[in-house]
C-alpha cells in the first residue's frame, strides 16, 4: 500500500516545547521531511526479537554487577492495544538520534502533547481558519508517538496513522460508522507544521452497555506491515458486525445483540411461508416468529391507525426516526472483509431473494422500540383493499427464541 503523502507547503510555524532554551521561532518554510521509516521483514523481525530476548537475559546478569543501562532497541511498544509490535528503522538514523526529544509542541497558539490525536492537513487548507464545522474527512488523523526538533523551525513528529475506512485495502465495509476510524501501526515522520488541530478520538470498546460515542472513534485495528485488518466483535444470527449508526436490540435472556435488518428479514421469511401455504399473514393465528404458534387471544393485534414516530435506540447513538421506514434488506449483509454470515442454532434456511422481493412489495416490515415499552415488529399490509391495516408482533430473539422485553 502506498504511504501517506505529505503536504507540499505551509503558512504556519511550529515550535517544540517542554522547558527548552530555544529562541523565539522564526517564520518557517516547510520543506520535505528528511526522515523515512523502514520496516523490517518478518524474518528480520523474528531474528531481532530473538536477539533482543537473548540480550535482555545477558543484561539482567551483567547489570547486577556493572549497573549498565540497557541499549535502545528497535522494537516499538507504543502501538495501539493488542496491535503487533512494529520493528522499524528511521533513516538517516544518526541524524534522527541527535535530535532533542520533547513532550509537547506548539503550532500557532495551540499546544499538543504526546499520545494525542491530531488532524493532519494534506490538502493545502489555509492555516488559522476555524476547522470546527469542516468535514473531518478533509484531513488525515494521526496519533503523536514522538516529538523531536532541530530548532523551532524544524519540528518533526513520529506518528501512527488512523485510517478512514475508504483508505483500507478493501474499502469501507457496511459495518463501518460514518465517524469511524481504524487504528494502525502504520508509522511515519511528518513535519509539525502540517498539523491543523486536535482530533477528539475515542477507543470504543464495544461493550454490552450503551456508550455515548464522540465525534470520532476507533475499534478495529490494521496491521500495516502484514496488511491484515483485524476482526471486531461478532453479533446476531448472521455473525455480522455492528454499525453504530444503526439500531440493534439486545436480548435480555441470552444477552446477544440482534441487527434490526435481521429481525425484519426473519419476519419476512415467515410471511413468505404463510403466503405459500395459502394463509393470511395478517391473521393473529398465523405465526410470524419462532415463538409458539399464537391464538386469537394472544397479544398480537390488528390496528388500522399508522404508528407514530418513535425513539429508536442504537447501542452507540440515539436518533429520532420514523417507525414506518422502508423495509430492511432481504438478507443480512456479509461484512466486506470476506467473513461469511452463518445460521445460528435452530436457524432457518434463507428464503430466495426473489420471493422476499415480492413480500416487500406486499408488506412493510419495521421494528419499533419505544423507551419504556417492549419492542415490537409492525407489519403493514400494502395489498389492494387492505386499507393499510397493520399487525404488531412481539420481537423474538433469533438465537434463544425468547420474547425480547
Protein backbone atom coordinates (compact mmCIF):
# COMPACT_ATOMS: atom_id res chain seq x y z
CA UNK A 1 0.00 0.00 0.00
CA UNK A 2 1.25 3.45 -0.82
CA UNK A 3 2.30 5.52 2.15
CA UNK A 4 0.53 8.65 3.26
CA UNK A 5 1.70 11.68 1.33
CA UNK A 6 2.94 14.84 2.98
CA UNK A 7 1.89 18.41 2.40
CA UNK A 8 3.89 20.38 -0.13
CA UNK A 9 3.61 23.80 1.55
CA UNK A 10 2.51 25.55 4.74
CA UNK A 11 1.98 29.05 6.09
CA UNK A 12 2.46 28.36 9.77
CA UNK A 13 5.45 27.96 12.08
CA UNK A 14 5.74 25.26 14.72
CA UNK A 15 7.80 25.17 17.88
CA UNK A 16 8.83 22.44 20.27
CA UNK A 17 8.32 22.93 23.97
CA UNK A 18 8.97 21.48 27.41
CA UNK A 19 11.26 23.83 29.34
CA UNK A 20 13.59 24.28 26.38
CA UNK A 21 16.10 27.07 25.86
CA UNK A 22 15.13 27.65 22.24
CA UNK A 23 14.83 31.18 20.96
CA UNK A 24 11.64 32.64 19.55
CA UNK A 25 10.51 30.71 16.47
CA UNK A 26 11.33 32.35 13.14
CA UNK A 27 8.91 32.31 10.22
CA UNK A 28 9.33 28.80 8.83
CA UNK A 29 9.03 27.41 5.35
CA UNK A 30 8.04 23.76 5.20
CA UNK A 31 10.47 21.51 3.35
CA UNK A 32 10.31 17.84 2.53
CA UNK A 33 10.70 15.79 5.70
CA UNK A 34 14.20 14.25 5.58
CA UNK A 35 13.35 11.22 7.73
CA UNK A 36 11.84 7.98 6.47
CA UNK A 37 10.53 4.85 8.21
CA UNK A 38 11.85 1.49 7.05
CA UNK A 39 10.01 -1.62 8.24
CA UNK A 40 11.82 -4.88 8.91
CA UNK A 41 10.73 -8.02 7.07
CA UNK A 42 9.02 -10.78 9.12
CA UNK A 43 12.20 -12.91 9.05
CA UNK A 44 14.34 -10.00 10.27
CA UNK A 45 11.69 -9.10 12.84
CA UNK A 46 11.76 -12.64 14.24
CA UNK A 47 15.57 -12.57 14.43
CA UNK A 48 15.58 -9.15 16.13
CA UNK A 49 13.03 -10.23 18.72
CA UNK A 50 15.03 -13.38 19.44
CA UNK A 51 18.25 -11.38 19.66
CA UNK A 52 16.60 -8.80 21.92
CA UNK A 53 15.41 -11.53 24.29
CA UNK A 54 18.91 -13.04 24.42
CA UNK A 55 20.45 -9.62 25.02
CA UNK A 56 17.91 -8.89 27.76
CA UNK A 57 18.87 -12.09 29.54
CA UNK A 58 22.55 -11.12 29.37
CA UNK A 59 21.88 -7.59 30.59
CA UNK A 60 19.89 -8.91 33.52
CA UNK A 61 23.01 -10.76 34.65
CA UNK A 62 25.52 -8.02 33.84
CA UNK A 63 23.60 -5.10 35.37
CA UNK A 64 23.72 -6.79 38.75
CA UNK A 65 27.47 -6.21 38.85
CA UNK A 66 28.07 -3.35 36.42
CA UNK A 67 24.85 -1.32 36.70
CA UNK A 68 24.94 -0.58 32.94
CA UNK A 69 21.81 0.79 31.27
CA UNK A 70 20.37 -1.45 28.52
CA UNK A 71 20.88 -0.22 24.94
CA UNK A 72 17.88 1.11 23.00
CA UNK A 73 16.02 -1.47 20.90
CA UNK A 74 14.20 -1.00 17.61
CA UNK A 75 11.11 -2.79 18.92
CA UNK A 76 8.34 -0.21 19.12
CA UNK A 77 5.99 -0.65 22.09
CA UNK A 78 3.78 2.41 21.50
CA UNK A 79 1.34 0.53 19.28
CA UNK A 80 -2.45 0.59 19.89
CA UNK A 81 -3.80 -2.00 22.30
CA UNK A 82 -3.35 -5.61 21.12
CA UNK A 83 -1.58 -4.45 17.95
CA UNK A 84 1.53 -6.40 16.94
CA UNK A 85 4.71 -4.53 17.89
CA UNK A 86 6.49 -2.96 14.92
CA UNK A 87 10.15 -3.46 14.03
CA UNK A 88 11.44 -0.40 12.21
CA UNK A 89 14.41 1.82 11.44
CA UNK A 90 14.43 5.60 10.96
CA UNK A 91 16.73 6.82 8.22
CA UNK A 92 19.05 8.64 8.40
CA UNK A 93 19.41 7.09 11.86
CA UNK A 94 22.38 9.12 13.10
CA UNK A 95 20.73 12.45 12.34
CA UNK A 96 17.46 11.36 13.98
CA UNK A 97 19.23 10.16 17.12
CA UNK A 98 20.95 13.53 17.54
CA UNK A 99 17.63 15.45 17.62
CA UNK A 100 16.36 16.58 21.01
CA UNK A 101 13.18 14.98 22.38
CA UNK A 102 10.16 16.90 23.69
CA UNK A 103 6.89 16.11 25.42
CA UNK A 104 4.82 18.72 23.61
CA UNK A 105 4.92 21.09 20.64
CA UNK A 106 3.09 24.26 19.60
CA UNK A 107 1.51 25.14 16.27
CA UNK A 108 0.31 28.73 16.18
CA UNK A 109 -1.27 29.18 19.61
CA UNK A 110 -2.31 25.57 20.16
CA UNK A 111 -0.20 23.14 22.18
CA UNK A 112 -0.13 19.40 21.54
CA UNK A 113 1.28 16.58 23.66
CA UNK A 114 2.49 13.02 23.22
CA UNK A 115 -0.21 10.39 22.60
CA UNK A 116 -2.75 13.00 21.49
CA UNK A 117 -4.72 12.64 18.26
CA UNK A 118 -4.22 15.30 15.61
CA UNK A 119 -5.71 16.39 12.28
CA UNK A 120 -3.07 16.49 9.54
CA UNK A 121 -3.51 18.90 6.64
CA UNK A 122 -2.82 17.24 3.29
CA UNK A 123 -4.94 19.41 1.01
CA UNK A 124 -3.36 22.85 1.44
CA UNK A 125 -6.21 24.06 3.63
CA UNK A 126 -5.16 27.52 4.94
CA UNK A 127 -3.85 27.54 8.49
CA UNK A 128 -5.60 29.61 11.13
CA UNK A 129 -9.14 29.02 9.88
CA UNK A 130 -11.79 27.50 12.12
CA UNK A 131 -12.00 23.78 11.31
CA UNK A 132 -14.81 23.07 13.80
CA UNK A 133 -17.51 22.84 11.14
CA UNK A 134 -15.33 21.37 8.40
CA UNK A 135 -15.72 17.81 7.17
CA UNK A 136 -13.28 15.68 9.16
CA UNK A 137 -12.65 13.57 6.06
CA UNK A 138 -10.75 16.50 4.55
CA UNK A 139 -7.94 15.71 6.99
CA UNK A 140 -5.81 12.75 7.87
CA UNK A 141 -5.85 11.66 11.51
CA UNK A 142 -2.77 10.54 13.46
CA UNK A 143 -1.57 9.84 16.99
CA UNK A 144 1.64 11.51 18.21
CA UNK A 145 4.23 9.00 19.38
CA UNK A 146 7.40 11.07 19.50
CA UNK A 147 8.43 14.71 19.14
CA UNK A 148 11.93 15.76 18.05
CA UNK A 149 13.36 19.02 16.76
CA UNK A 150 16.44 20.61 15.27
CA UNK A 151 15.15 24.06 16.22
CA UNK A 152 11.77 25.79 16.39
CA UNK A 153 11.56 25.91 12.60
CA UNK A 154 12.25 22.19 12.20
CA UNK A 155 9.97 20.11 14.45
CA UNK A 156 9.25 16.53 13.47
CA UNK A 157 6.65 14.08 14.73
CA UNK A 158 6.71 10.30 14.65
CA UNK A 159 3.06 9.30 14.30
CA UNK A 160 0.77 6.35 13.81
CA UNK A 161 -1.87 6.91 11.15
CA UNK A 162 -5.54 6.23 11.72
CA UNK A 163 -7.30 5.22 8.51
CA UNK A 164 -10.65 6.32 7.22
CA UNK A 165 -12.49 3.14 6.08
CA UNK A 166 -12.24 4.30 2.46
CA UNK A 167 -8.43 4.17 2.74
CA UNK A 168 -8.34 0.46 3.65
CA UNK A 169 -7.30 -2.12 1.03
CA UNK A 170 -10.88 -3.43 0.86
CA UNK A 171 -12.54 -0.03 1.26
CA UNK A 172 -15.47 0.85 3.52
CA UNK A 173 -17.49 -2.08 4.90
CA UNK A 174 -21.23 -1.99 5.75
CA UNK A 175 -20.47 -2.10 9.49
CA UNK A 176 -18.23 0.97 9.48
CA UNK A 177 -19.88 4.03 11.05
CA UNK A 178 -19.82 7.47 9.47
CA UNK A 179 -17.36 8.75 12.09
CA UNK A 180 -15.33 5.55 12.42
CA UNK A 181 -11.56 5.36 12.07
CA UNK A 182 -9.26 2.34 12.03
CA UNK A 183 -6.17 2.39 14.26
CA UNK A 184 -2.97 1.18 12.66
CA UNK A 185 0.75 0.72 13.29
CA UNK A 186 1.50 2.49 10.01
CA UNK A 187 4.23 4.85 11.14
CA UNK A 188 5.63 7.96 9.51
CA UNK A 189 7.71 11.04 10.31
CA UNK A 190 5.86 14.26 9.48
CA UNK A 191 6.57 17.96 9.82
CA UNK A 192 4.73 19.53 12.77
CA UNK A 193 3.62 22.38 10.51
CA UNK A 194 1.19 20.01 8.77
CA UNK A 195 -0.90 19.79 11.98
CA UNK A 196 -4.25 21.59 11.65
CA UNK A 197 -5.76 20.92 15.05
CA UNK A 198 -6.59 18.45 17.79
CA UNK A 199 -8.84 15.49 16.96
CA UNK A 200 -11.29 14.18 19.57
CA UNK A 201 -10.92 10.43 19.07
CA UNK A 202 -12.07 7.69 21.44
CA UNK A 203 -11.22 4.00 21.59
CA UNK A 204 -14.63 2.32 21.51
CA UNK A 205 -14.52 -1.00 23.40
CA UNK A 206 -17.92 -2.09 22.05
CA UNK A 207 -19.14 -3.26 25.44
CA UNK A 208 -22.68 -4.50 26.05
CA UNK A 209 -23.60 -1.34 27.96
CA UNK A 210 -24.61 1.57 25.77
CA UNK A 211 -21.81 4.04 25.17
CA UNK A 212 -22.02 7.65 24.06
CA UNK A 213 -19.54 7.94 21.22
CA UNK A 214 -17.67 11.17 20.47
CA UNK A 215 -17.38 12.70 17.03
CA UNK A 216 -14.64 10.22 16.05
CA UNK A 217 -13.88 6.75 17.35
CA UNK A 218 -11.95 3.57 16.53
CA UNK A 219 -12.46 -0.08 17.49
CA UNK A 220 -10.73 -2.01 14.69
CA UNK A 221 -7.01 -2.29 14.03
CA UNK A 222 -4.97 -2.58 10.84
CA UNK A 223 -1.53 -4.21 10.93
CA UNK A 224 0.27 -2.23 8.22
CA UNK A 225 3.40 -4.39 7.73
CA UNK A 226 1.33 -7.53 7.07
CA UNK A 227 -1.68 -5.79 5.52
CA UNK A 228 -4.02 -7.55 7.97
CA UNK A 229 -7.31 -5.98 9.06
CA UNK A 230 -8.16 -7.39 12.48
CA UNK A 231 -11.67 -8.57 13.23
CA UNK A 232 -14.20 -6.94 15.50
CA UNK A 233 -16.84 -8.45 17.75
CA UNK A 234 -19.48 -10.60 16.05
CA UNK A 235 -23.19 -10.28 16.74
CA UNK A 236 -26.56 -11.75 15.84
CA UNK A 237 -27.62 -14.89 13.97
CA UNK A 238 -25.70 -13.73 10.88
CA UNK A 239 -22.38 -13.48 12.78
CA UNK A 240 -22.05 -10.00 11.33
CA UNK A 241 -20.72 -6.81 12.86
CA UNK A 242 -22.36 -3.74 14.33
CA UNK A 243 -22.70 -0.39 12.62
CA UNK A 244 -23.18 2.14 15.47
CA UNK A 245 -25.23 4.40 13.18
CA UNK A 246 -27.92 1.70 13.04
CA UNK A 247 -30.13 0.12 15.68
CA UNK A 248 -29.55 -3.20 17.41
CA UNK A 249 -31.72 -4.92 20.00
CA UNK A 250 -30.28 -6.76 22.98
CA UNK A 251 -31.87 -9.98 24.20
CA UNK A 252 -32.43 -9.90 27.96
CA UNK A 253 -32.30 -13.72 28.09
CA UNK A 254 -29.20 -14.83 26.14
CA UNK A 255 -27.51 -11.39 26.21
CA UNK A 256 -26.89 -11.41 22.45
CA UNK A 257 -27.39 -8.43 20.16
CA UNK A 258 -29.53 -8.62 17.03
CA UNK A 259 -29.43 -6.50 13.88
CA UNK A 260 -32.68 -4.73 13.10
CA UNK A 261 -32.45 -5.84 9.46
CA UNK A 262 -32.04 -9.49 10.55
CA UNK A 263 -35.19 -9.30 12.69
CA UNK A 264 -37.07 -7.79 9.75
CA UNK A 265 -35.69 -10.42 7.37
CA UNK A 266 -36.79 -13.24 9.70
CA UNK A 267 -40.39 -11.94 9.80
CA UNK A 268 -40.37 -11.57 6.01
CA UNK A 269 -39.42 -15.24 5.73
CA UNK A 270 -42.39 -16.26 7.89
CA UNK A 271 -44.70 -14.06 5.81
CA UNK A 272 -43.45 -15.76 2.66
CA UNK A 273 -44.05 -19.21 4.14
CA UNK A 274 -47.59 -18.20 5.10
CA UNK A 275 -48.34 -16.98 1.57
CA UNK A 276 -47.01 -20.22 0.07
CA UNK A 277 -49.25 -22.18 2.46
CA UNK A 278 -52.28 -20.10 1.40
CA UNK A 279 -52.54 -18.35 4.79
CA UNK A 280 -53.11 -14.68 5.52
CA UNK A 281 -50.05 -13.25 7.33
CA UNK A 282 -52.27 -10.58 8.90
CA UNK A 283 -54.28 -13.18 10.83
CA UNK A 284 -53.34 -13.37 14.54
CA UNK A 285 -53.38 -17.19 14.29
CA UNK A 286 -50.51 -17.22 11.78
CA UNK A 287 -47.06 -17.32 13.36
CA UNK A 288 -44.61 -14.68 12.16
CA UNK A 289 -41.87 -15.55 14.63
CA UNK A 290 -40.18 -18.64 16.04
CA UNK A 291 -42.27 -18.37 19.23
CA UNK A 292 -45.10 -20.91 19.88
CA UNK A 293 -47.98 -20.51 17.45
CA UNK A 294 -50.25 -17.70 18.71
CA UNK A 295 -54.00 -17.82 19.13
CA UNK A 296 -56.63 -15.16 18.53
CA UNK A 297 -56.46 -14.20 22.23
CA UNK A 298 -52.72 -13.52 22.22
CA UNK A 299 -51.18 -10.07 22.37
CA UNK A 300 -50.82 -9.77 18.59
CA UNK A 301 -53.44 -7.36 17.38
CA UNK A 302 -54.79 -5.81 14.21
CA UNK A 303 -54.83 -2.00 14.09
CA UNK A 304 -55.65 0.43 11.33
CA UNK A 305 -54.03 3.59 12.61
CA UNK A 306 -50.43 4.12 11.39
CA UNK A 307 -47.74 4.10 14.14
CA UNK A 308 -46.34 7.40 15.31
CA UNK A 309 -42.72 8.49 15.28
CA UNK A 310 -40.76 6.69 17.94
CA UNK A 311 -37.37 6.96 19.61
CA UNK A 312 -35.25 4.06 18.42
CA UNK A 313 -32.12 3.40 20.41
CA UNK A 314 -28.88 2.21 18.90
CA UNK A 315 -26.07 0.85 21.03
CA UNK A 316 -23.76 3.73 20.26
CA UNK A 317 -26.03 6.60 19.26
CA UNK A 318 -29.62 7.75 19.76
CA UNK A 319 -31.72 9.24 17.00
CA UNK A 320 -35.38 10.10 16.39
CA UNK A 321 -36.61 8.06 13.44
CA UNK A 322 -39.93 7.26 11.80
CA UNK A 323 -41.40 3.92 12.79
CA UNK A 324 -42.74 3.32 9.30
CA UNK A 325 -39.44 3.24 7.42
CA UNK A 326 -38.68 1.38 4.24
CA UNK A 327 -38.28 -2.38 4.60
CA UNK A 328 -34.83 -3.63 5.50
CA UNK A 329 -32.67 -5.60 3.03
CA UNK A 330 -33.99 -9.07 2.27
CA UNK A 331 -30.88 -10.81 3.57
CA UNK A 332 -28.20 -9.79 6.09
CA UNK A 333 -25.20 -8.05 4.57
CA UNK A 334 -21.95 -10.00 4.51
CA UNK A 335 -19.05 -7.99 6.01
CA UNK A 336 -16.72 -6.63 3.35
CA UNK A 337 -13.66 -8.25 4.91
CA UNK A 338 -14.74 -11.57 3.42
CA UNK A 339 -16.25 -13.05 6.58
CA UNK A 340 -19.30 -15.06 5.66
CA UNK A 341 -22.57 -14.91 7.52
CA UNK A 342 -23.95 -18.09 9.03
CA UNK A 343 -27.04 -19.58 10.54
CA UNK A 344 -27.48 -19.58 14.28
CA UNK A 345 -28.60 -22.59 16.26
CA UNK A 346 -32.04 -23.56 15.07
CA UNK A 347 -31.73 -21.12 12.17
CA UNK A 348 -33.94 -21.25 9.10
CA UNK A 349 -32.91 -21.77 5.52
CA UNK A 350 -32.70 -18.42 3.77
CA UNK A 351 -35.63 -17.54 1.52
CA UNK A 352 -34.73 -16.76 -2.13
CA UNK A 353 -34.31 -13.05 -2.74
CA UNK A 354 -36.97 -13.04 -5.48
CA UNK A 355 -39.62 -14.32 -3.07
CA UNK A 356 -38.64 -11.80 -0.39
CA UNK A 357 -38.81 -9.05 -3.01
CA UNK A 358 -42.45 -9.98 -3.60
CA UNK A 359 -43.04 -9.91 0.16
CA UNK A 360 -41.58 -6.39 0.37
CA UNK A 361 -43.96 -5.22 -2.34
CA UNK A 362 -46.98 -6.51 -0.39
CA UNK A 363 -45.95 -5.94 3.24
CA UNK A 364 -43.88 -3.29 5.00
CA UNK A 365 -41.99 -4.70 8.00
CA UNK A 366 -40.41 -2.40 10.60
CA UNK A 367 -39.20 -2.57 14.19
CA UNK A 368 -40.44 -0.10 16.80
CA UNK A 369 -38.57 0.33 20.05
CA UNK A 370 -40.08 2.97 22.34
CA UNK A 371 -38.25 3.79 25.54
CA UNK A 372 -40.19 2.27 28.44
CA UNK A 373 -42.04 -0.36 26.38
CA UNK A 374 -41.22 -3.69 24.80
CA UNK A 375 -40.02 -3.61 21.18
CA UNK A 376 -42.45 -4.84 18.53
CA UNK A 377 -42.39 -5.73 14.86
CA UNK A 378 -45.01 -3.86 12.83
CA UNK A 379 -46.31 -5.47 9.65
CA UNK A 380 -48.25 -3.13 7.36
CA UNK A 381 -50.45 -4.65 4.65
CA UNK A 382 -49.81 -2.89 1.31
CA UNK A 383 -52.09 -5.12 -0.75
CA UNK A 384 -55.02 -3.62 -2.63
CA UNK A 385 -58.10 -3.34 -0.43
CA UNK A 386 -56.15 -3.80 2.82
CA UNK A 387 -56.67 -0.15 3.84
CA UNK A 388 -53.19 -0.05 5.36
CA UNK A 389 -54.02 -2.43 8.20
CA UNK A 390 -51.13 -3.25 10.50
CA UNK A 391 -50.27 -6.08 12.82
CA UNK A 392 -47.99 -5.85 15.85
CA UNK A 393 -45.85 -8.87 16.74
CA UNK A 394 -43.52 -9.30 19.71
CA UNK A 395 -39.82 -9.32 18.85
CA UNK A 396 -38.42 -12.83 19.37
CA UNK A 397 -34.70 -13.47 19.77
CA UNK A 398 -33.28 -15.15 16.67
CA UNK A 399 -30.89 -17.21 18.81
CA UNK A 400 -32.66 -18.31 22.01
CA UNK A 401 -36.24 -17.76 20.65
CA UNK A 402 -37.48 -15.94 23.75
CA UNK A 403 -39.57 -12.77 23.56
CA UNK A 404 -37.38 -9.69 23.98
CA UNK A 405 -38.72 -7.41 26.69
